[in-house]
C-alpha atoms as a PDB file:
ATOM      1  CA  MET A   1     -10.166 -87.677 -62.462  1.00  0.00           C
ATOM      2  CA  LYS A   2     -10.898 -85.817 -59.248  1.00  0.00           C
ATOM      3  CA  SER A   3      -9.197 -87.408 -56.262  1.00  0.00           C
ATOM      4  CA  LYS A   4     -11.369 -88.886 -53.564  1.00  0.00           C
ATOM      5  CA  SER A   5     -11.618 -86.701 -50.460  1.00  0.00           C
ATOM      6  CA  HIS A   6     -10.078 -88.131 -47.325  1.00  0.00           C
ATOM      7  CA  LYS A   7     -12.343 -89.402 -44.601  1.00  0.00           C
ATOM      8  CA  VAL A   8      -9.985 -88.832 -41.668  1.00  0.00           C
ATOM      9  CA  SER A   9      -7.113 -86.386 -41.315  1.00  0.00           C
ATOM     10  CA  PHE A  10      -4.638 -87.403 -38.602  1.00  0.00           C
ATOM     11  CA  ILE A  11      -2.952 -84.245 -37.330  1.00  0.00           C
ATOM     12  CA  THR A  12       0.066 -84.028 -35.045  1.00  0.00           C
ATOM     13  CA  VAL A  13       2.514 -81.284 -34.115  1.00  0.00           C
ATOM     14  CA  ASN A  14       6.213 -82.059 -33.770  1.00  0.00           C
ATOM     15  CA  TYR A  15       8.745 -80.006 -31.839  1.00  0.00           C
ATOM     16  CA  ASN A  16      12.193 -81.564 -31.451  1.00  0.00           C
ATOM     17  CA  GLY A  17      10.391 -84.878 -30.998  1.00  0.00           C
ATOM     18  CA  ILE A  18      11.224 -86.897 -34.073  1.00  0.00           C
ATOM     19  CA  VAL A  19      11.605 -90.181 -32.161  1.00  0.00           C
ATOM     20  CA  HIS A  20       8.118 -89.941 -30.651  1.00  0.00           C
ATOM     21  CA  THR A  21       6.581 -88.732 -33.906  1.00  0.00           C
ATOM     22  CA  ASP A  22       8.207 -91.576 -35.825  1.00  0.00           C
ATOM     23  CA  HIS A  23       6.705 -94.138 -33.426  1.00  0.00           C
ATOM     24  CA  LEU A  24       3.274 -92.538 -33.788  1.00  0.00           C
ATOM     25  CA  LEU A  25       3.488 -92.610 -37.582  1.00  0.00           C
ATOM     26  CA  GLN A  26       4.439 -96.285 -37.445  1.00  0.00           C
ATOM     27  CA  THR A  27       1.254 -97.078 -35.517  1.00  0.00           C
ATOM     28  CA  ILE A  28      -0.780 -95.197 -38.132  1.00  0.00           C
ATOM     29  CA  PHE A  29       0.731 -96.542 -41.341  1.00  0.00           C
ATOM     30  CA  GLU A  30       0.935-100.141 -40.153  1.00  0.00           C
ATOM     31  CA  LYS A  31      -2.861-100.244 -39.914  1.00  0.00           C
ATOM     32  CA  ASP A  32      -5.092-101.480 -42.721  1.00  0.00           C
ATOM     33  CA  PHE A  33      -7.805 -98.835 -42.424  1.00  0.00           C
ATOM     34  CA  ILE A  34     -10.887 -99.379 -44.557  1.00  0.00           C
ATOM     35  CA  PHE A  35     -11.519 -95.626 -44.654  1.00  0.00           C
ATOM     36  CA  ASP A  36      -9.424 -93.178 -46.613  1.00  0.00           C
ATOM     37  CA  PHE A  37      -7.058 -91.060 -44.569  1.00  0.00           C
ATOM     38  CA  GLU A  38      -4.210 -88.592 -44.643  1.00  0.00           C
ATOM     39  CA  VAL A  39      -1.524 -87.714 -42.115  1.00  0.00           C
ATOM     40  CA  ILE A  40      -0.421 -84.123 -41.527  1.00  0.00           C
ATOM     41  CA  VAL A  41       2.708 -83.392 -39.486  1.00  0.00           C
ATOM     42  CA  MET A  42       3.531 -79.797 -38.656  1.00  0.00           C
ATOM     43  CA  ASP A  43       7.093 -79.316 -37.435  1.00  0.00           C
ATOM     44  CA  ASN A  44       6.768 -76.393 -35.058  1.00  0.00           C
ATOM     45  CA  GLY A  45      10.182 -74.774 -35.445  1.00  0.00           C
ATOM     46  CA  SER A  46      12.360 -77.697 -34.365  1.00  0.00           C
ATOM     47  CA  GLN A  47      16.089 -77.050 -34.184  1.00  0.00           C
ATOM     48  CA  ASP A  48      16.482 -79.058 -37.388  1.00  0.00           C
ATOM     49  CA  ASN A  49      13.978 -79.695 -40.155  1.00  0.00           C
ATOM     50  CA  GLU A  50      12.566 -82.916 -38.733  1.00  0.00           C
ATOM     51  CA  PHE A  51       9.616 -82.811 -41.114  1.00  0.00           C
ATOM     52  CA  ALA A  52      11.954 -83.438 -44.051  1.00  0.00           C
ATOM     53  CA  VAL A  53      13.432 -86.484 -42.296  1.00  0.00           C
ATOM     54  CA  LEU A  54       9.984 -87.854 -41.470  1.00  0.00           C
ATOM     55  CA  GLN A  55       8.691 -87.276 -44.991  1.00  0.00           C
ATOM     56  CA  ALA A  56      11.636 -89.196 -46.398  1.00  0.00           C
ATOM     57  CA  ARG A  57      10.629 -92.136 -44.202  1.00  0.00           C
ATOM     58  CA  TYR A  58       6.893 -91.714 -44.777  1.00  0.00           C
ATOM     59  CA  PRO A  59       6.371 -90.163 -48.230  1.00  0.00           C
ATOM     60  CA  ARG A  60       2.597 -90.049 -47.774  1.00  0.00           C
ATOM     61  CA  ILE A  61       2.638 -87.474 -45.005  1.00  0.00           C
ATOM     62  CA  LYS A  62       1.668 -83.874 -45.622  1.00  0.00           C
ATOM     63  CA  GLY A  63       2.685 -80.879 -43.560  1.00  0.00           C
ATOM     64  CA  ALA A  64       5.554 -78.448 -43.356  1.00  0.00           C
ATOM     65  CA  TYR A  65       8.534 -77.244 -41.405  1.00  0.00           C
ATOM     66  CA  LEU A  66       7.660 -73.964 -39.697  1.00  0.00           C
ATOM     67  CA  ILE A  67      10.655 -71.757 -39.083  1.00  0.00           C
ATOM     68  CA  GLU A  68       8.987 -70.390 -35.927  1.00  0.00           C
ATOM     69  CA  ASN A  69       7.338 -72.223 -33.045  1.00  0.00           C
ATOM     70  CA  LEU A  70       3.701 -71.126 -33.280  1.00  0.00           C
ATOM     71  CA  GLY A  71       2.586 -72.966 -30.174  1.00  0.00           C
ATOM     72  CA  PHE A  72       0.120 -75.831 -29.826  1.00  0.00           C
ATOM     73  CA  ALA A  73      -2.788 -73.976 -31.412  1.00  0.00           C
ATOM     74  CA  GLY A  74      -0.731 -72.337 -34.144  1.00  0.00           C
ATOM     75  CA  GLY A  75       0.808 -75.613 -35.276  1.00  0.00           C
ATOM     76  CA  ASN A  76      -2.547 -77.390 -35.347  1.00  0.00           C
ATOM     77  CA  ASN A  77      -4.203 -74.491 -37.151  1.00  0.00           C
ATOM     78  CA  ARG A  78      -1.619 -74.603 -39.947  1.00  0.00           C
ATOM     79  CA  ALA A  79      -2.403 -78.301 -40.289  1.00  0.00           C
ATOM     80  CA  ILE A  80      -6.132 -77.547 -40.489  1.00  0.00           C
ATOM     81  CA  GLU A  81      -5.392 -75.357 -43.505  1.00  0.00           C
ATOM     82  CA  GLN A  82      -4.055 -78.454 -45.317  1.00  0.00           C
ATOM     83  CA  ALA A  83      -6.644 -80.936 -44.072  1.00  0.00           C
ATOM     84  CA  SER A  84      -9.159 -82.402 -46.510  1.00  0.00           C
ATOM     85  CA  GLY A  85     -10.781 -84.951 -44.204  1.00  0.00           C
ATOM     86  CA  GLU A  86     -14.394 -84.982 -43.092  1.00  0.00           C
ATOM     87  CA  TYR A  87     -13.073 -85.711 -39.610  1.00  0.00           C
ATOM     88  CA  LEU A  88      -9.892 -84.348 -38.060  1.00  0.00           C
ATOM     89  CA  TYR A  89      -8.142 -86.437 -35.419  1.00  0.00           C
ATOM     90  CA  PHE A  90      -5.738 -84.239 -33.446  1.00  0.00           C
ATOM     91  CA  ILE A  91      -3.271 -86.421 -31.551  1.00  0.00           C
ATOM     92  CA  ASN A  92      -0.132 -85.576 -29.620  1.00  0.00           C
ATOM     93  CA  ASN A  93       3.080 -86.781 -31.192  1.00  0.00           C
ATOM     94  CA  ASP A  94       3.875 -88.753 -28.005  1.00  0.00           C
ATOM     95  CA  THR A  95       0.816 -90.966 -28.382  1.00  0.00           C
ATOM     96  CA  LEU A  96       0.352 -94.366 -30.028  1.00  0.00           C
ATOM     97  CA  LEU A  97      -2.667 -95.877 -31.739  1.00  0.00           C
ATOM     98  CA  PRO A  98      -3.808 -99.268 -30.429  1.00  0.00           C
ATOM     99  CA  GLU A  99      -4.021-102.372 -32.620  1.00  0.00           C
ATOM    100  CA  ASP A 100      -7.753-102.052 -33.284  1.00  0.00           C
ATOM    101  CA  ALA A 101      -7.641 -98.303 -33.930  1.00  0.00           C
ATOM    102  CA  GLY A 102      -9.370 -98.799 -37.272  1.00  0.00           C
ATOM    103  CA  SER A 103     -12.600-100.177 -35.810  1.00  0.00           C
ATOM    104  CA  GLN A 104     -12.442 -97.637 -32.971  1.00  0.00           C
ATOM    105  CA  ILE A 105     -12.207 -94.710 -35.377  1.00  0.00           C
ATOM    106  CA  GLU A 106     -15.047 -96.161 -37.452  1.00  0.00           C
ATOM    107  CA  SER A 107     -17.125 -96.218 -34.261  1.00  0.00           C
ATOM    108  CA  MET A 108     -16.347 -92.541 -33.686  1.00  0.00           C
ATOM    109  CA  ILE A 109     -17.295 -91.701 -37.270  1.00  0.00           C
ATOM    110  CA  ASN A 110     -20.565 -93.605 -36.937  1.00  0.00           C
ATOM    111  CA  PHE A 111     -21.390 -91.906 -33.636  1.00  0.00           C
ATOM    112  CA  CYS A 112     -20.785 -88.452 -35.087  1.00  0.00           C
ATOM    113  CA  SER A 113     -22.770 -89.283 -38.211  1.00  0.00           C
ATOM    114  CA  ALA A 114     -25.730 -90.500 -36.157  1.00  0.00           C
ATOM    115  CA  HIS A 115     -25.679 -87.487 -33.816  1.00  0.00           C
ATOM    116  CA  PRO A 116     -25.333 -84.192 -35.709  1.00  0.00           C
ATOM    117  CA  GLN A 117     -25.206 -82.261 -32.426  1.00  0.00           C
ATOM    118  CA  VAL A 118     -21.773 -83.752 -31.695  1.00  0.00           C
ATOM    119  CA  GLY A 119     -19.005 -81.162 -31.847  1.00  0.00           C
ATOM    120  CA  GLY A 120     -16.219 -83.596 -31.081  1.00  0.00           C
ATOM    121  CA  LEU A 121     -15.099 -86.656 -29.156  1.00  0.00           C
ATOM    122  CA  SER A 122     -12.335 -87.362 -26.667  1.00  0.00           C
ATOM    123  CA  PRO A 123     -11.320 -91.018 -26.480  1.00  0.00           C
ATOM    124  CA  LYS A 124     -10.182 -92.693 -23.296  1.00  0.00           C
ATOM    125  CA  ILE A 125      -6.507 -91.841 -22.803  1.00  0.00           C
ATOM    126  CA  MET A 126      -4.322 -94.526 -21.260  1.00  0.00           C
ATOM    127  CA  TYR A 127      -0.771 -94.263 -19.998  1.00  0.00           C
ATOM    128  CA  ALA A 128       1.539 -96.429 -22.089  1.00  0.00           C
ATOM    129  CA  VAL A 129       3.427 -97.307 -18.885  1.00  0.00           C
ATOM    130  CA  PRO A 130       2.341 -98.757 -16.529  1.00  0.00           C
ATOM    131  CA  GLU A 131      -0.255-100.892 -18.261  1.00  0.00           C
ATOM    132  CA  ASN A 132      -3.981-100.442 -17.773  1.00  0.00           C
ATOM    133  CA  LEU A 133      -3.657 -97.060 -16.047  1.00  0.00           C
ATOM    134  CA  ILE A 134      -6.061 -94.299 -17.077  1.00  0.00           C
ATOM    135  CA  GLN A 135      -4.953 -90.738 -17.693  1.00  0.00           C
ATOM    136  CA  PHE A 136      -8.262 -89.277 -18.894  1.00  0.00           C
ATOM    137  CA  ALA A 137     -11.869 -90.463 -18.817  1.00  0.00           C
ATOM    138  CA  GLY A 138     -13.658 -87.151 -18.979  1.00  0.00           C
ATOM    139  CA  SER A 139     -13.804 -84.217 -16.599  1.00  0.00           C
ATOM    140  CA  SER A 140     -16.128 -82.080 -14.551  1.00  0.00           C
ATOM    141  CA  PRO A 141     -16.812 -78.461 -15.555  1.00  0.00           C
ATOM    142  CA  LEU A 142     -14.480 -75.728 -14.381  1.00  0.00           C
ATOM    143  CA  SER A 143     -15.928 -73.792 -11.464  1.00  0.00           C
ATOM    144  CA  ALA A 144     -17.051 -70.335 -12.518  1.00  0.00           C
ATOM    145  CA  ILE A 145     -14.690 -68.311 -10.333  1.00  0.00           C
ATOM    146  CA  THR A 146     -11.809 -70.502  -9.124  1.00  0.00           C
ATOM    147  CA  LEU A 147     -11.483 -72.345 -12.466  1.00  0.00           C
ATOM    148  CA  ARG A 148     -10.984 -75.667 -10.703  1.00  0.00           C
ATOM    149  CA  ASN A 149     -12.289 -79.013 -11.853  1.00  0.00           C
ATOM    150  CA  GLN A 150     -11.718 -82.743 -11.592  1.00  0.00           C
ATOM    151  CA  GLN A 151     -10.220 -84.956 -14.276  1.00  0.00           C
ATOM    152  CA  LEU A 152     -12.057 -88.260 -14.108  1.00  0.00           C
ATOM    153  CA  GLY A 153     -10.184 -91.548 -14.022  1.00  0.00           C
ATOM    154  CA  TYR A 154      -6.803 -89.918 -13.470  1.00  0.00           C
ATOM    155  CA  ARG A 155      -4.253 -92.584 -12.453  1.00  0.00           C
ATOM    156  CA  GLU A 156      -6.969 -95.164 -11.812  1.00  0.00           C
ATOM    157  CA  LEU A 157      -6.702 -98.774 -12.961  1.00  0.00           C
ATOM    158  CA  ASP A 158      -9.075 -99.402 -15.840  1.00  0.00           C
ATOM    159  CA  GLN A 159     -11.682-101.863 -14.593  1.00  0.00           C
ATOM    160  CA  GLY A 160     -14.450-100.760 -16.916  1.00  0.00           C
ATOM    161  CA  GLN A 161     -15.714 -98.102 -14.521  1.00  0.00           C
ATOM    162  CA  TYR A 162     -15.528 -95.425 -17.234  1.00  0.00           C
ATOM    163  CA  ASP A 163     -16.889 -97.344 -20.205  1.00  0.00           C
ATOM    164  CA  GLN A 164     -20.054 -95.294 -20.721  1.00  0.00           C
ATOM    165  CA  ILE A 165     -20.330 -92.593 -23.379  1.00  0.00           C
ATOM    166  CA  ARG A 166     -21.182 -89.293 -21.719  1.00  0.00           C
ATOM    167  CA  GLN A 167     -21.232 -85.611 -22.439  1.00  0.00           C
ATOM    168  CA  ILE A 168     -18.199 -83.658 -21.234  1.00  0.00           C
ATOM    169  CA  PRO A 169     -17.386 -79.947 -21.017  1.00  0.00           C
ATOM    170  CA  TYR A 170     -13.862 -80.057 -22.458  1.00  0.00           C
ATOM    171  CA  PHE A 171     -11.524 -81.931 -24.761  1.00  0.00           C
ATOM    172  CA  HIS A 172      -8.254 -83.393 -23.595  1.00  0.00           C
ATOM    173  CA  GLY A 173      -5.630 -81.849 -25.876  1.00  0.00           C
ATOM    174  CA  ALA A 174      -3.772 -85.132 -26.380  1.00  0.00           C
ATOM    175  CA  ALA A 175      -6.589 -86.578 -28.525  1.00  0.00           C
ATOM    176  CA  MET A 176      -9.480 -84.688 -30.121  1.00  0.00           C
ATOM    177  CA  PHE A 177     -11.733 -86.100 -32.862  1.00  0.00           C
ATOM    178  CA  VAL A 178     -13.611 -83.252 -34.551  1.00  0.00           C
ATOM    179  CA  PRO A 179     -15.935 -83.135 -37.581  1.00  0.00           C
ATOM    180  CA  LYS A 180     -14.612 -80.639 -40.106  1.00  0.00           C
ATOM    181  CA  ILE A 181     -18.028 -78.978 -40.401  1.00  0.00           C
ATOM    182  CA  VAL A 182     -17.741 -78.010 -36.739  1.00  0.00           C
ATOM    183  CA  ILE A 183     -14.461 -76.193 -37.348  1.00  0.00           C
ATOM    184  CA  ASP A 184     -15.941 -74.516 -40.415  1.00  0.00           C
ATOM    185  CA  GLN A 185     -18.680 -73.105 -38.190  1.00  0.00           C
ATOM    186  CA  VAL A 186     -16.891 -72.199 -34.941  1.00  0.00           C
ATOM    187  CA  GLY A 187     -13.365 -71.497 -36.168  1.00  0.00           C
ATOM    188  CA  VAL A 188      -9.919 -72.814 -35.302  1.00  0.00           C
ATOM    189  CA  LEU A 189      -8.056 -73.015 -32.004  1.00  0.00           C
ATOM    190  CA  PRO A 190      -7.270 -69.690 -30.277  1.00  0.00           C
ATOM    191  CA  GLU A 191      -3.600 -68.787 -30.702  1.00  0.00           C
ATOM    192  CA  CYS A 192      -3.306 -66.318 -27.841  1.00  0.00           C
ATOM    193  CA  TYR A 193      -2.201 -68.981 -25.331  1.00  0.00           C
ATOM    194  CA  PHE A 194       0.833 -70.585 -27.047  1.00  0.00           C
ATOM    195  CA  LEU A 195       0.753 -73.474 -24.567  1.00  0.00           C
ATOM    196  CA  TYR A 196      -1.942 -74.697 -22.133  1.00  0.00           C
ATOM    197  CA  TYR A 197      -5.635 -73.725 -21.995  1.00  0.00           C
ATOM    198  CA  GLU A 198      -6.160 -73.473 -25.755  1.00  0.00           C
ATOM    199  CA  GLU A 199      -8.202 -76.701 -25.934  1.00  0.00           C
ATOM    200  CA  LEU A 200     -10.288 -75.566 -22.948  1.00  0.00           C
ATOM    201  CA  ASP A 201     -11.024 -72.244 -24.632  1.00  0.00           C
ATOM    202  CA  TRP A 202     -11.799 -73.984 -27.927  1.00  0.00           C
ATOM    203  CA  SER A 203     -14.087 -76.419 -26.128  1.00  0.00           C
ATOM    204  CA  CYS A 204     -16.010 -73.497 -24.619  1.00  0.00           C
ATOM    205  CA  THR A 205     -16.483 -72.016 -28.084  1.00  0.00           C
ATOM    206  CA  ILE A 206     -17.621 -75.328 -29.572  1.00  0.00           C
ATOM    207  CA  THR A 207     -20.102 -76.076 -26.783  1.00  0.00           C
ATOM    208  CA  LYS A 208     -21.955 -72.860 -27.503  1.00  0.00           C
ATOM    209  CA  HIS A 209     -23.225 -74.603 -30.644  1.00  0.00           C
ATOM    210  CA  PHE A 210     -22.508 -78.337 -30.252  1.00  0.00           C
ATOM    211  CA  GLU A 211     -21.930 -81.028 -27.634  1.00  0.00           C
ATOM    212  CA  LEU A 212     -18.684 -82.760 -26.692  1.00  0.00           C
ATOM    213  CA  TYR A 213     -18.531 -86.399 -25.624  1.00  0.00           C
ATOM    214  CA  TYR A 214     -16.155 -88.756 -23.897  1.00  0.00           C
ATOM    215  CA  PHE A 215     -16.069 -91.846 -26.128  1.00  0.00           C
ATOM    216  CA  PRO A 216     -14.522 -94.854 -24.324  1.00  0.00           C
ATOM    217  CA  GLN A 217     -15.096 -97.230 -27.235  1.00  0.00           C
ATOM    218  CA  ALA A 218     -11.911 -95.664 -28.580  1.00  0.00           C
ATOM    219  CA  PHE A 219      -8.673 -95.132 -26.711  1.00  0.00           C
ATOM    220  CA  ILE A 220      -5.127 -94.022 -27.280  1.00  0.00           C
ATOM    221  CA  TYR A 221      -1.846 -94.622 -25.465  1.00  0.00           C
ATOM    222  CA  HIS A 222      -0.005 -91.595 -24.093  1.00  0.00           C
ATOM    223  CA  LEU A 223       3.729 -91.901 -23.515  1.00  0.00           C
ATOM    224  CA  GLU A 224       3.689 -89.186 -20.867  1.00  0.00           C
ATOM    225  CA  SER A 225       4.925 -90.786 -17.667  1.00  0.00           C
ATOM    226  CA  ALA A 226       2.430 -91.234 -14.850  1.00  0.00           C
ATOM    227  CA  SER A 227       5.205 -90.323 -12.427  1.00  0.00           C
ATOM    228  CA  THR A 228       5.865 -86.898 -13.956  1.00  0.00           C
ATOM    229  CA  GLY A 229       4.378 -83.678 -12.692  1.00  0.00           C
ATOM    230  CA  ILE A 230       7.481 -81.587 -12.206  1.00  0.00           C
ATOM    231  CA  GLU A 231       6.445 -77.996 -12.699  1.00  0.00           C
ATOM    232  CA  SER A 232       9.194 -76.117 -14.500  1.00  0.00           C
ATOM    233  CA  PRO A 233       9.328 -72.293 -14.445  1.00  0.00           C
ATOM    234  CA  PHE A 234       8.433 -72.413 -18.159  1.00  0.00           C
ATOM    235  CA  LYS A 235       5.246 -74.324 -17.359  1.00  0.00           C
ATOM    236  CA  ILE A 236       4.436 -72.130 -14.365  1.00  0.00           C
ATOM    237  CA  PHE A 237       4.733 -68.991 -16.504  1.00  0.00           C
ATOM    238  CA  TYR A 238       2.181 -70.181 -19.062  1.00  0.00           C
ATOM    239  CA  LEU A 239      -0.212 -71.692 -16.525  1.00  0.00           C
ATOM    240  CA  THR A 240      -0.245 -68.447 -14.537  1.00  0.00           C
ATOM    241  CA  ARG A 241      -0.606 -66.287 -17.634  1.00  0.00           C
ATOM    242  CA  ASN A 242      -3.146 -68.381 -19.479  1.00  0.00           C
ATOM    243  CA  ARG A 243      -5.450 -69.071 -16.547  1.00  0.00           C
ATOM    244  CA  ILE A 244      -6.019 -65.317 -16.266  1.00  0.00           C
ATOM    245  CA  ILE A 245      -6.464 -64.867 -20.018  1.00  0.00           C
ATOM    246  CA  PHE A 246      -8.925 -67.769 -20.064  1.00  0.00           C
ATOM    247  CA  ALA A 247     -10.956 -66.159 -17.267  1.00  0.00           C
ATOM    248  CA  TYR A 248     -10.995 -62.881 -19.180  1.00  0.00           C
ATOM    249  CA  ARG A 249     -12.069 -64.516 -22.453  1.00  0.00           C
ATOM    250  CA  GLN A 250     -14.567 -67.070 -21.157  1.00  0.00           C
ATOM    251  CA  ARG A 251     -16.217 -65.330 -18.205  1.00  0.00           C
ATOM    252  CA  ARG A 252     -18.548 -62.366 -18.410  1.00  0.00           C
ATOM    253  CA  GLN A 253     -19.524 -59.351 -16.311  1.00  0.00           C
ATOM    254  CA  VAL A 254     -19.467 -59.875 -12.528  1.00  0.00           C
ATOM    255  CA  VAL A 255     -18.261 -63.484 -12.808  1.00  0.00           C
ATOM    256  CA  ARG A 256     -15.299 -62.332 -14.888  1.00  0.00           C
ATOM    257  CA  LEU A 257     -14.397 -59.697 -12.301  1.00  0.00           C
ATOM    258  CA  LEU A 258     -14.682 -62.176  -9.428  1.00  0.00           C
ATOM    259  CA  ALA A 259     -12.589 -64.771 -11.275  1.00  0.00           C
ATOM    260  CA  LEU A 260      -9.839 -62.257 -12.058  1.00  0.00           C
ATOM    261  CA  CYS A 261      -9.851 -61.018  -8.453  1.00  0.00           C
ATOM    262  CA  TYR A 262      -9.630 -64.566  -7.122  1.00  0.00           C
ATOM    263  CA  LEU A 263      -6.755 -65.510  -9.437  1.00  0.00           C
ATOM    264  CA  THR A 264      -4.860 -62.276  -8.814  1.00  0.00           C
ATOM    265  CA  PHE A 265      -5.400 -61.596  -5.115  1.00  0.00           C
ATOM    266  CA  ILE A 266      -5.946 -65.070  -3.635  1.00  0.00           C
ATOM    267  CA  ALA A 267      -4.503 -67.839  -5.840  1.00  0.00           C
ATOM    268  CA  PHE A 268      -1.451 -65.860  -6.980  1.00  0.00           C
ATOM    269  CA  PRO A 269      -0.128 -64.783  -3.553  1.00  0.00           C
ATOM    270  CA  SER A 270      -0.982 -68.187  -2.084  1.00  0.00           C
ATOM    271  CA  ASN A 271       1.120 -69.976  -4.706  1.00  0.00           C
ATOM    272  CA  ILE A 272       3.910 -67.424  -4.386  1.00  0.00           C
ATOM    273  CA  CYS A 273       4.093 -68.188  -0.670  1.00  0.00           C
ATOM    274  CA  ILE A 274       4.253 -71.927  -1.353  1.00  0.00           C
ATOM    275  CA  TYR A 275       7.168 -71.536  -3.761  1.00  0.00           C
ATOM    276  CA  LEU A 276       8.941 -69.143  -1.396  1.00  0.00           C
ATOM    277  CA  PHE A 277       8.584 -71.684   1.398  1.00  0.00           C
ATOM    278  CA  LYS A 278      10.137 -74.292  -0.912  1.00  0.00           C
ATOM    279  CA  CYS A 279      12.881 -71.808  -1.906  1.00  0.00           C
ATOM    280  CA  LYS A 280      11.836 -72.050  -5.569  1.00  0.00           C
ATOM    281  CA  LEU A 281      12.662 -68.489  -6.507  1.00  0.00           C
ATOM    282  CA  GLN A 282      12.650 -69.183 -10.255  1.00  0.00           C
ATOM    283  CA  HIS A 283       9.070 -70.425  -9.954  1.00  0.00           C
ATOM    284  CA  CYS A 284       8.110 -67.248  -8.093  1.00  0.00           C
ATOM    285  CA  TRP A 285       9.643 -65.090 -10.805  1.00  0.00           C
ATOM    286  CA  ALA A 286       7.868 -67.161 -13.477  1.00  0.00           C
ATOM    287  CA  MET A 287       4.543 -66.481 -11.753  1.00  0.00           C
ATOM    288  CA  VAL A 288       5.265 -62.749 -11.555  1.00  0.00           C
ATOM    289  CA  ARG A 289       6.141 -62.647 -15.245  1.00  0.00           C
ATOM    290  CA  GLY A 290       3.062 -64.717 -16.091  1.00  0.00           C
ATOM    291  CA  LEU A 291       0.765 -62.372 -14.186  1.00  0.00           C
ATOM    292  CA  SER A 292       2.329 -59.324 -15.824  1.00  0.00           C
ATOM    293  CA  SER A 293       2.116 -60.879 -19.291  1.00  0.00           C
ATOM    294  CA  ALA A 294      -1.553 -61.773 -18.792  1.00  0.00           C
ATOM    295  CA  TYR A 295      -2.608 -58.261 -17.871  1.00  0.00           C
ATOM    296  CA  ARG A 296      -0.488 -56.746 -20.596  1.00  0.00           C
ATOM    297  CA  TRP A 297      -2.347 -59.039 -23.015  1.00  0.00           C
ATOM    298  CA  ILE A 298      -5.699 -57.975 -21.570  1.00  0.00           C
ATOM    299  CA  LEU A 299      -4.706 -54.337 -22.041  1.00  0.00           C
ATOM    300  CA  GLY A 300      -3.652 -55.068 -25.625  1.00  0.00           C
ATOM    301  CA  LEU A 301       0.038 -54.430 -25.015  1.00  0.00           C
ATOM    302  CA  ASN A 302       1.531 -57.818 -25.968  1.00  0.00           C
ATOM    303  CA  ARG A 303      -0.982 -59.671 -28.115  1.00  0.00           C
ATOM    304  CA  ASP A 304       1.878 -61.279 -30.090  1.00  0.00           C
ATOM    305  CA  ILE A 305       3.021 -63.443 -27.145  1.00  0.00           C
END
């Protein structure tokens, strides 16, 4: 007898984060969902094979241990290859599902089913600690040239001020609920970024054909601390690099040229001066390497990074 297709595929990427991933899986498997589901965990080149450990604890999970870290997009794309759900719920491994996640996900399914123009949903994202503090409630569009925008609700107490469904320009990468038919039409996440900006780029591709919505009737807890924000040289490298690549990929003609000029000749030296003033020489070097890597990518010289 042919097995019933899964309704929802939960997808998460693990990288040396077995403790967080284990807690997430607990919040999934402890639920009594009325819809069929599967869970796919892609271990993105952890030091040890953490997928094998997790599968021993949760025999129902699918996935694999990748011997190489393929980045955020690469790990999720390998999971997409295994997914059989009508809806794919991409969630960070350091998130937790709330108690009534079942009814929330059903609401997302019903909304997508009733509105075929929907390309995906982002739930409200709450910090796990402190309580009742919002991380994400939608965002404004990126400006055409400076690539700046505002993340709505960030570090605000949740008092119901963001409880209306509304169209948004971009997903938040920590939680993305996407109909499989959308991915079949527009393709998977772009793998040229490795880390940061891939969900923004993917959102731009999706919104050429569909609409994205912030859906506050569903939420998820994010274990990322509200007090963090330390910018490591590693993070600075990829933010510098990928902002330029994003401008090149998602802007056209004169706007593309203006955006690249702004990022290269205004934003870059301005930030370099700030880090020099703070005596953060490693951050300066990370920015220089990021700028070089971005233009080498644009010229086709290091497309494997």
